């Protein structure tokens, strides 16, 4: 199986919490099981130059009313193929999502760029010595990657690419939803028909996570018990009804750990 994992963070390259740990360990585990795995994540300031190859791929997007050009760099080794999205909005800042002044005001644009770049990487970057097949599974994580189904439909399936590729959204923390005033939707380079209850609209606001919840083919979360919890008003942070509405496509899969990193026998 060909898998493209898209995440705002991933160990050992970037981490703010459990999301980075899970994505990094899962990518390695899938590779060990014989799957062809590509990961796509930003190249933050913490990602060193050593070992990175320039793919020659430039991703042009029109976000916030301005053309943006990102480059794709790749790190190859004995595990997954790691693709990094290189642009000043990632590499010239010290925080992943914000700094001492709070969250970055352009996070919706930064991670729109990540998702657009991930789709181009799946088309253009080889895993090993061969391109990905025509129908990779896109596994996206949390609100920062949840709009990928919209970009996939709008810019790739309409041209015949990835027509039958499924999208799996894993929700690690539904408290963070990428919810913004409606006007921010205009920055995302998508037609207005996407701002509906079947897309990004949520009680009049833009809600990036909610778009993924209604448009992904499958939804998972971090354990069976947590899958039940997010369907309750207390645990769903306002999205409990959306989770319940996707009950047939929603499941909880217990997070694993990397037993090399989390090994009490050799960790003082």
C-alpha atoms as a PDB file:
ATOM      1  CA  UNK A   1       0.000   0.000   0.000  1.00  0.00           C
ATOM      2  CA  UNK A   2       1.189   3.528  -0.764  1.00  0.00           C
ATOM      3  CA  UNK A   3       0.617   5.973   2.113  1.00  0.00           C
ATOM      4  CA  UNK A   4       1.130   9.745   2.202  1.00  0.00           C
ATOM      5  CA  UNK A   5       1.097  11.052   5.773  1.00  0.00           C
ATOM      6  CA  UNK A   6       0.540  14.800   6.152  1.00  0.00           C
ATOM      7  CA  UNK A   7       1.153  16.423   9.503  1.00  0.00           C
ATOM      8  CA  UNK A   8       2.195  19.788  10.925  1.00  0.00           C
ATOM      9  CA  UNK A   9       4.735  18.015  13.126  1.00  0.00           C
ATOM     10  CA  UNK A  10       6.580  14.734  13.225  1.00  0.00           C
ATOM     11  CA  UNK A  11       9.386  13.351  15.365  1.00  0.00           C
ATOM     12  CA  UNK A  12      12.345  13.444  15.185  1.00  0.00           C
ATOM     13  CA  UNK A  13      12.095  16.629  13.099  1.00  0.00           C
ATOM     14  CA  UNK A  14       9.480  18.654  14.982  1.00  0.00           C
ATOM     15  CA  UNK A  15       7.305  18.174  18.023  1.00  0.00           C
ATOM     16  CA  UNK A  16       5.062  20.135  20.339  1.00  0.00           C
ATOM     17  CA  UNK A  17       3.282  17.159  21.913  1.00  0.00           C
ATOM     18  CA  UNK A  18       1.835  13.743  21.260  1.00  0.00           C
ATOM     19  CA  UNK A  19       0.904  14.434  17.642  1.00  0.00           C
ATOM     20  CA  UNK A  20       4.548  14.516  16.566  1.00  0.00           C
ATOM     21  CA  UNK A  21       5.347  11.326  18.450  1.00  0.00           C
ATOM     22  CA  UNK A  22       2.442   9.378  16.994  1.00  0.00           C
ATOM     23  CA  UNK A  23       2.971  10.416  13.382  1.00  0.00           C
ATOM     24  CA  UNK A  24       6.698   9.705  13.446  1.00  0.00           C
ATOM     25  CA  UNK A  25       6.295   6.298  15.059  1.00  0.00           C
ATOM     26  CA  UNK A  26       3.371   5.291  12.822  1.00  0.00           C
ATOM     27  CA  UNK A  27       5.250   6.171   9.642  1.00  0.00           C
ATOM     28  CA  UNK A  28       8.178   4.010  10.728  1.00  0.00           C
ATOM     29  CA  UNK A  29       5.891   1.136  11.730  1.00  0.00           C
ATOM     30  CA  UNK A  30       4.052   1.165   8.409  1.00  0.00           C
ATOM     31  CA  UNK A  31       7.372   1.162   6.566  1.00  0.00           C
ATOM     32  CA  UNK A  32       8.590  -1.831   8.591  1.00  0.00           C
ATOM     33  CA  UNK A  33       5.380  -3.655   7.644  1.00  0.00           C
ATOM     34  CA  UNK A  34       6.295  -3.315   3.979  1.00  0.00           C
ATOM     35  CA  UNK A  35       4.227  -0.301   2.921  1.00  0.00           C
ATOM     36  CA  UNK A  36       5.639   2.514   0.789  1.00  0.00           C
ATOM     37  CA  UNK A  37       5.399   5.575   3.009  1.00  0.00           C
ATOM     38  CA  UNK A  38       5.915   9.245   2.222  1.00  0.00           C
ATOM     39  CA  UNK A  39       5.620  11.841   4.971  1.00  0.00           C
ATOM     40  CA  UNK A  40       5.063  15.534   4.246  1.00  0.00           C
ATOM     41  CA  UNK A  41       5.704  18.142   6.921  1.00  0.00           C
ATOM     42  CA  UNK A  42       7.043  21.713   7.081  1.00  0.00           C
ATOM     43  CA  UNK A  43      10.729  22.436   7.136  1.00  0.00           C
ATOM     44  CA  UNK A  44      10.882  24.430  10.333  1.00  0.00           C
ATOM     45  CA  UNK A  45      14.025  26.162  11.544  1.00  0.00           C
ATOM     46  CA  UNK A  46      14.743  23.062  13.645  1.00  0.00           C
ATOM     47  CA  UNK A  47      15.173  20.811  10.584  1.00  0.00           C
ATOM     48  CA  UNK A  48      18.870  20.746   9.649  1.00  0.00           C
ATOM     49  CA  UNK A  49      20.225  21.019   6.125  1.00  0.00           C
ATOM     50  CA  UNK A  50      22.281  17.839   6.384  1.00  0.00           C
ATOM     51  CA  UNK A  51      21.046  15.051   4.128  1.00  0.00           C
ATOM     52  CA  UNK A  52      18.282  17.065   2.458  1.00  0.00           C
ATOM     53  CA  UNK A  53      18.040  16.836  -1.326  1.00  0.00           C
ATOM     54  CA  UNK A  54      16.392  19.455  -3.509  1.00  0.00           C
ATOM     55  CA  UNK A  55      13.717  17.683  -5.558  1.00  0.00           C
ATOM     56  CA  UNK A  56      13.540  20.514  -8.073  1.00  0.00           C
ATOM     57  CA  UNK A  57       9.776  20.673  -7.448  1.00  0.00           C
ATOM     58  CA  UNK A  58       8.318  24.116  -6.826  1.00  0.00           C
ATOM     59  CA  UNK A  59       4.762  24.408  -5.545  1.00  0.00           C
ATOM     60  CA  UNK A  60       2.977  27.591  -6.603  1.00  0.00           C
ATOM     61  CA  UNK A  61      -0.085  28.568  -4.634  1.00  0.00           C
ATOM     62  CA  UNK A  62      -2.226  31.693  -4.520  1.00  0.00           C
ATOM     63  CA  UNK A  63      -2.967  32.200  -0.854  1.00  0.00           C
ATOM     64  CA  UNK A  64      -4.105  35.343   0.871  1.00  0.00           C
ATOM     65  CA  UNK A  65      -4.259  37.067  -2.497  1.00  0.00           C
ATOM     66  CA  UNK A  66      -0.525  36.591  -3.102  1.00  0.00           C
ATOM     67  CA  UNK A  67       1.341  33.995  -5.145  1.00  0.00           C
ATOM     68  CA  UNK A  68       3.537  31.852  -2.923  1.00  0.00           C
ATOM     69  CA  UNK A  69       6.299  29.514  -4.070  1.00  0.00           C
ATOM     70  CA  UNK A  70       7.432  26.655  -1.856  1.00  0.00           C
ATOM     71  CA  UNK A  71      10.212  24.157  -2.578  1.00  0.00           C
ATOM     72  CA  UNK A  72      10.146  20.468  -1.775  1.00  0.00           C
ATOM     73  CA  UNK A  73      13.203  18.952  -0.114  1.00  0.00           C
ATOM     74  CA  UNK A  74      13.528  15.238   0.602  1.00  0.00           C
ATOM     75  CA  UNK A  75      15.383  13.085   3.109  1.00  0.00           C
ATOM     76  CA  UNK A  76      15.930   9.512   2.035  1.00  0.00           C
ATOM     77  CA  UNK A  77      17.284   6.654   4.077  1.00  0.00           C
ATOM     78  CA  UNK A  78      16.244   3.211   5.189  1.00  0.00           C
ATOM     79  CA  UNK A  79      12.803   4.243   6.401  1.00  0.00           C
ATOM     80  CA  UNK A  80       9.984   6.381   4.988  1.00  0.00           C
ATOM     81  CA  UNK A  81      10.680   9.048   2.400  1.00  0.00           C
ATOM     82  CA  UNK A  82      10.437  12.355   4.266  1.00  0.00           C
ATOM     83  CA  UNK A  83       9.394  15.396   2.224  1.00  0.00           C
ATOM     84  CA  UNK A  84       9.795  18.869   3.707  1.00  0.00           C
ATOM     85  CA  UNK A  85       7.941  21.954   2.524  1.00  0.00           C
ATOM     86  CA  UNK A  86      10.417  24.819   2.464  1.00  0.00           C
ATOM     87  CA  UNK A  87       9.156  28.414   2.671  1.00  0.00           C
ATOM     88  CA  UNK A  88       9.984  31.411   4.888  1.00  0.00           C
ATOM     89  CA  UNK A  89       6.675  31.092   6.771  1.00  0.00           C
ATOM     90  CA  UNK A  90       8.090  27.884   8.238  1.00  0.00           C
ATOM     91  CA  UNK A  91      11.851  28.236   8.209  1.00  0.00           C
ATOM     92  CA  UNK A  92      12.233  31.816   9.382  1.00  0.00           C
ATOM     93  CA  UNK A  93      10.194  31.438  12.573  1.00  0.00           C
ATOM     94  CA  UNK A  94      11.198  29.812  15.825  1.00  0.00           C
ATOM     95  CA  UNK A  95       7.821  28.392  16.847  1.00  0.00           C
ATOM     96  CA  UNK A  96       5.728  25.750  15.121  1.00  0.00           C
ATOM     97  CA  UNK A  97       2.381  27.489  15.622  1.00  0.00           C
ATOM     98  CA  UNK A  98       3.220  30.686  17.453  1.00  0.00           C
ATOM     99  CA  UNK A  99       5.671  32.540  19.648  1.00  0.00           C
ATOM    100  CA  UNK A 100       5.652  34.596  22.834  1.00  0.00           C
ATOM    101  CA  UNK A 101       3.064  36.897  21.269  1.00  0.00           C
ATOM    102  CA  UNK A 102       0.591  34.078  20.614  1.00  0.00           C
ATOM    103  CA  UNK A 103      -0.472  32.032  17.609  1.00  0.00           C
ATOM    104  CA  UNK A 104       0.722  33.208  14.212  1.00  0.00           C
ATOM    105  CA  UNK A 105      -2.043  35.093  12.448  1.00  0.00           C
ATOM    106  CA  UNK A 106      -1.379  33.347   9.138  1.00  0.00           C
ATOM    107  CA  UNK A 107      -1.491  29.749  10.355  1.00  0.00           C
ATOM    108  CA  UNK A 108      -4.444  29.012   8.062  1.00  0.00           C
ATOM    109  CA  UNK A 109      -2.271  30.047   5.108  1.00  0.00           C
ATOM    110  CA  UNK A 110       0.828  28.225   6.315  1.00  0.00           C
ATOM    111  CA  UNK A 111      -0.965  24.916   6.568  1.00  0.00           C
ATOM    112  CA  UNK A 112      -2.951  25.432   3.380  1.00  0.00           C
ATOM    113  CA  UNK A 113       0.465  25.599   1.736  1.00  0.00           C
ATOM    114  CA  UNK A 114       1.469  22.360   3.478  1.00  0.00           C
ATOM    115  CA  UNK A 115      -1.575  20.551   2.087  1.00  0.00           C
ATOM    116  CA  UNK A 116      -1.193  21.879  -1.437  1.00  0.00           C
ATOM    117  CA  UNK A 117       2.466  20.875  -1.347  1.00  0.00           C
ATOM    118  CA  UNK A 118       1.644  17.389  -0.050  1.00  0.00           C
ATOM    119  CA  UNK A 119      -0.557  16.708  -3.058  1.00  0.00           C
ATOM    120  CA  UNK A 120       2.194  17.872  -5.416  1.00  0.00           C
ATOM    121  CA  UNK A 121       4.719  15.720  -3.563  1.00  0.00           C
ATOM    122  CA  UNK A 122       2.507  12.663  -4.037  1.00  0.00           C
ATOM    123  CA  UNK A 123       2.460  13.382  -7.764  1.00  0.00           C
ATOM    124  CA  UNK A 124       6.082  14.309  -8.326  1.00  0.00           C
ATOM    125  CA  UNK A 125       8.406  12.835  -5.677  1.00  0.00           C
ATOM    126  CA  UNK A 126       9.590   9.237  -5.899  1.00  0.00           C
ATOM    127  CA  UNK A 127       9.568   6.832  -2.984  1.00  0.00           C
ATOM    128  CA  UNK A 128      12.694   4.775  -3.476  1.00  0.00           C
ATOM    129  CA  UNK A 129      13.333   4.622  -7.191  1.00  0.00           C
ATOM    130  CA  UNK A 130       9.710   4.769  -8.328  1.00  0.00           C
ATOM    131  CA  UNK A 131       6.774   7.176  -8.126  1.00  0.00           C
ATOM    132  CA  UNK A 132       3.802   6.450  -5.918  1.00  0.00           C
ATOM    133  CA  UNK A 133       0.946   4.551  -7.496  1.00  0.00           C
ATOM    134  CA  UNK A 134      -2.113   6.372  -8.835  1.00  0.00           C
ATOM    135  CA  UNK A 135      -4.221   5.782  -5.702  1.00  0.00           C
ATOM    136  CA  UNK A 136      -2.201   6.364  -2.520  1.00  0.00           C
ATOM    137  CA  UNK A 137      -3.961   6.652   0.810  1.00  0.00           C
ATOM    138  CA  UNK A 138      -3.720  10.187   2.175  1.00  0.00           C
ATOM    139  CA  UNK A 139      -3.528  10.041   5.961  1.00  0.00           C
ATOM    140  CA  UNK A 140      -3.945  13.548   7.383  1.00  0.00           C
ATOM    141  CA  UNK A 141      -3.715  14.677  10.976  1.00  0.00           C
ATOM    142  CA  UNK A 142      -5.673  17.315  12.905  1.00  0.00           C
ATOM    143  CA  UNK A 143      -6.943  20.678  11.678  1.00  0.00           C
ATOM    144  CA  UNK A 144      -3.666  21.664  10.041  1.00  0.00           C
ATOM    145  CA  UNK A 145      -4.178  19.000   7.349  1.00  0.00           C
ATOM    146  CA  UNK A 146      -7.955  18.512   7.446  1.00  0.00           C
ATOM    147  CA  UNK A 147      -8.689  20.647   4.367  1.00  0.00           C
ATOM    148  CA  UNK A 148      -6.757  18.282   2.101  1.00  0.00           C
ATOM    149  CA  UNK A 149      -9.948  16.578   0.783  1.00  0.00           C
ATOM    150  CA  UNK A 150     -11.083  19.962  -0.559  1.00  0.00           C
ATOM    151  CA  UNK A 151      -7.796  20.683  -2.313  1.00  0.00           C
ATOM    152  CA  UNK A 152      -7.678  17.118  -3.605  1.00  0.00           C
ATOM    153  CA  UNK A 153     -11.115  17.449  -5.204  1.00  0.00           C
ATOM    154  CA  UNK A 154     -10.627  20.964  -6.486  1.00  0.00           C
ATOM    155  CA  UNK A 155      -7.160  20.778  -7.986  1.00  0.00           C
ATOM    156  CA  UNK A 156      -6.291  17.132  -8.619  1.00  0.00           C
ATOM    157  CA  UNK A 157      -9.308  14.883  -9.108  1.00  0.00           C
ATOM    158  CA  UNK A 158     -10.697  17.438 -11.543  1.00  0.00           C
ATOM    159  CA  UNK A 159      -7.583  16.792 -13.666  1.00  0.00           C
ATOM    160  CA  UNK A 160      -7.743  13.006 -13.322  1.00  0.00           C
ATOM    161  CA  UNK A 161      -5.191  12.568 -10.521  1.00  0.00           C
ATOM    162  CA  UNK A 162      -5.881  10.449  -7.406  1.00  0.00           C
ATOM    163  CA  UNK A 163      -9.486   9.905  -8.494  1.00  0.00           C
ATOM    164  CA  UNK A 164      -9.999   6.953  -6.137  1.00  0.00           C
ATOM    165  CA  UNK A 165      -7.485   7.801  -3.404  1.00  0.00           C
ATOM    166  CA  UNK A 166      -9.106   7.638   0.021  1.00  0.00           C
ATOM    167  CA  UNK A 167      -8.445  10.250   2.682  1.00  0.00           C
ATOM    168  CA  UNK A 168      -8.185   9.189   6.326  1.00  0.00           C
ATOM    169  CA  UNK A 169      -8.362  11.940   8.946  1.00  0.00           C
ATOM    170  CA  UNK A 170      -7.020  11.222  12.411  1.00  0.00           C
ATOM    171  CA  UNK A 171      -8.211  13.611  15.114  1.00  0.00           C
ATOM    172  CA  UNK A 172      -5.738  13.829  17.960  1.00  0.00           C
ATOM    173  CA  UNK A 173      -7.209  16.866  19.722  1.00  0.00           C
ATOM    174  CA  UNK A 174     -10.605  18.251  18.642  1.00  0.00           C
ATOM    175  CA  UNK A 175     -10.205  21.238  20.958  1.00  0.00           C
ATOM    176  CA  UNK A 176      -8.040  22.755  18.239  1.00  0.00           C
ATOM    177  CA  UNK A 177     -10.292  23.203  15.212  1.00  0.00           C
ATOM    178  CA  UNK A 178      -8.787  25.931  13.043  1.00  0.00           C
ATOM    179  CA  UNK A 179     -11.950  27.962  13.572  1.00  0.00           C
ATOM    180  CA  UNK A 180     -11.788  31.517  12.242  1.00  0.00           C
ATOM    181  CA  UNK A 181     -14.118  34.301  11.081  1.00  0.00           C
ATOM    182  CA  UNK A 182     -15.760  33.692   7.718  1.00  0.00           C
ATOM    183  CA  UNK A 183     -13.634  36.320   5.947  1.00  0.00           C
ATOM    184  CA  UNK A 184     -10.547  34.116   6.304  1.00  0.00           C
ATOM    185  CA  UNK A 185     -12.044  31.631   3.841  1.00  0.00           C
ATOM    186  CA  UNK A 186     -11.237  34.064   1.032  1.00  0.00           C
ATOM    187  CA  UNK A 187      -7.527  33.461   1.699  1.00  0.00           C
ATOM    188  CA  UNK A 188      -7.667  29.729   0.927  1.00  0.00           C
ATOM    189  CA  UNK A 189      -7.828  29.829  -2.892  1.00  0.00           C
ATOM    190  CA  UNK A 190     -11.012  27.784  -3.092  1.00  0.00           C
ATOM    191  CA  UNK A 191     -14.303  28.595  -4.852  1.00  0.00           C
ATOM    192  CA  UNK A 192     -17.087  29.904  -2.645  1.00  0.00           C
ATOM    193  CA  UNK A 193     -19.169  26.758  -3.072  1.00  0.00           C
ATOM    194  CA  UNK A 194     -16.818  25.131  -0.561  1.00  0.00           C
ATOM    195  CA  UNK A 195     -18.120  27.452   2.158  1.00  0.00           C
ATOM    196  CA  UNK A 196     -21.243  25.413   2.911  1.00  0.00           C
ATOM    197  CA  UNK A 197     -22.323  22.965   5.633  1.00  0.00           C
ATOM    198  CA  UNK A 198     -20.829  20.205   3.437  1.00  0.00           C
ATOM    199  CA  UNK A 199     -17.487  21.983   3.533  1.00  0.00           C
ATOM    200  CA  UNK A 200     -15.914  24.658   5.702  1.00  0.00           C
ATOM    201  CA  UNK A 201     -18.927  26.515   7.092  1.00  0.00           C
ATOM    202  CA  UNK A 202     -19.738  25.991  10.759  1.00  0.00           C
ATOM    203  CA  UNK A 203     -22.268  28.291  12.433  1.00  0.00           C
ATOM    204  CA  UNK A 204     -21.193  31.060  10.088  1.00  0.00           C
ATOM    205  CA  UNK A 205     -17.472  30.614  10.751  1.00  0.00           C
ATOM    206  CA  UNK A 206     -14.642  28.988   8.838  1.00  0.00           C
ATOM    207  CA  UNK A 207     -13.819  25.636  10.498  1.00  0.00           C
ATOM    208  CA  UNK A 208     -10.903  23.738   8.986  1.00  0.00           C
ATOM    209  CA  UNK A 209     -11.191  20.587  11.108  1.00  0.00           C
ATOM    210  CA  UNK A 210     -14.914  20.367  10.437  1.00  0.00           C
ATOM    211  CA  UNK A 211     -14.270  20.319   6.670  1.00  0.00           C
ATOM    212  CA  UNK A 212     -12.144  17.201   7.123  1.00  0.00           C
ATOM    213  CA  UNK A 213     -14.751  15.580   9.335  1.00  0.00           C
ATOM    214  CA  UNK A 214     -17.424  15.856   6.666  1.00  0.00           C
ATOM    215  CA  UNK A 215     -15.232  15.209   3.606  1.00  0.00           C
ATOM    216  CA  UNK A 216     -12.733  12.498   4.640  1.00  0.00           C
ATOM    217  CA  UNK A 217     -13.520   8.899   3.686  1.00  0.00           C
ATOM    218  CA  UNK A 218     -12.628   7.578   7.125  1.00  0.00           C
ATOM    219  CA  UNK A 219     -12.100   9.243  10.498  1.00  0.00           C
ATOM    220  CA  UNK A 220     -10.074   7.813  13.352  1.00  0.00           C
ATOM    221  CA  UNK A 221      -9.041   9.001  16.758  1.00  0.00           C
ATOM    222  CA  UNK A 222      -6.567   7.909  19.383  1.00  0.00           C
ATOM    223  CA  UNK A 223      -8.463   5.146  21.201  1.00  0.00           C
ATOM    224  CA  UNK A 224     -11.849   3.384  21.216  1.00  0.00           C
ATOM    225  CA  UNK A 225     -12.871   5.120  24.437  1.00  0.00           C
ATOM    226  CA  UNK A 226     -11.922   8.518  23.084  1.00  0.00           C
ATOM    227  CA  UNK A 227     -13.986   7.833  19.953  1.00  0.00           C
ATOM    228  CA  UNK A 228     -16.993   7.585  22.244  1.00  0.00           C
ATOM    229  CA  UNK A 229     -15.955  10.641  24.269  1.00  0.00           C
ATOM    230  CA  UNK A 230     -15.832  13.024  21.301  1.00  0.00           C
ATOM    231  CA  UNK A 231     -19.433  12.143  20.422  1.00  0.00           C
ATOM    232  CA  UNK A 232     -20.561  13.670  23.734  1.00  0.00           C
ATOM    233  CA  UNK A 233     -21.170  17.389  24.337  1.00  0.00           C
ATOM    234  CA  UNK A 234     -18.454  17.376  26.987  1.00  0.00           C
ATOM    235  CA  UNK A 235     -15.793  15.793  24.785  1.00  0.00           C
ATOM    236  CA  UNK A 236     -16.625  17.010  21.299  1.00  0.00           C
ATOM    237  CA  UNK A 237     -15.904  20.714  21.833  1.00  0.00           C
ATOM    238  CA  UNK A 238     -18.987  21.599  19.817  1.00  0.00           C
ATOM    239  CA  UNK A 239     -18.329  19.038  17.067  1.00  0.00           C
ATOM    240  CA  UNK A 240     -19.975  16.086  18.807  1.00  0.00           C
ATOM    241  CA  UNK A 241     -22.913  16.120  16.392  1.00  0.00           C
ATOM    242  CA  UNK A 242     -20.556  16.024  13.415  1.00  0.00           C
ATOM    243  CA  UNK A 243     -18.736  13.041  14.886  1.00  0.00           C
ATOM    244  CA  UNK A 244     -22.049  11.278  15.498  1.00  0.00           C
ATOM    245  CA  UNK A 245     -23.107  12.010  11.928  1.00  0.00           C
ATOM    246  CA  UNK A 246     -20.052  10.109  10.633  1.00  0.00           C
ATOM    247  CA  UNK A 247     -20.583   7.157  12.982  1.00  0.00           C
ATOM    248  CA  UNK A 248     -20.391   4.535  10.228  1.00  0.00           C
ATOM    249  CA  UNK A 249     -16.993   5.837   9.053  1.00  0.00           C
ATOM    250  CA  UNK A 250     -15.543   6.661  12.487  1.00  0.00           C
ATOM    251  CA  UNK A 251     -13.419   4.458  14.729  1.00  0.00           C
ATOM    252  CA  UNK A 252     -10.952   4.709  17.592  1.00  0.00           C
ATOM    253  CA  UNK A 253      -7.585   2.981  17.241  1.00  0.00           C
ATOM    254  CA  UNK A 254      -5.385   2.894  20.321  1.00  0.00           C
ATOM    255  CA  UNK A 255      -2.184   4.886  19.901  1.00  0.00           C
ATOM    256  CA  UNK A 256       1.022   2.891  19.992  1.00  0.00           C
ATOM    257  CA  UNK A 257       4.488   4.012  21.022  1.00  0.00           C
ATOM    258  CA  UNK A 258       7.979   3.745  19.618  1.00  0.00           C
ATOM    259  CA  UNK A 259       9.487   1.260  22.057  1.00  0.00           C
ATOM    260  CA  UNK A 260      13.004   2.361  21.109  1.00  0.00           C
ATOM    261  CA  UNK A 261      12.400   5.962  22.171  1.00  0.00           C
ATOM    262  CA  UNK A 262      10.193   5.042  25.134  1.00  0.00           C
ATOM    263  CA  UNK A 263      12.298   2.338  26.733  1.00  0.00           C
ATOM    264  CA  UNK A 264      12.735   2.595  30.528  1.00  0.00           C
ATOM    265  CA  UNK A 265      15.526   0.007  30.503  1.00  0.00           C
ATOM    266  CA  UNK A 266      17.953   2.421  28.843  1.00  0.00           C
ATOM    267  CA  UNK A 267      16.433   5.855  29.570  1.00  0.00           C
ATOM    268  CA  UNK A 268      17.721   7.360  32.825  1.00  0.00           C
END
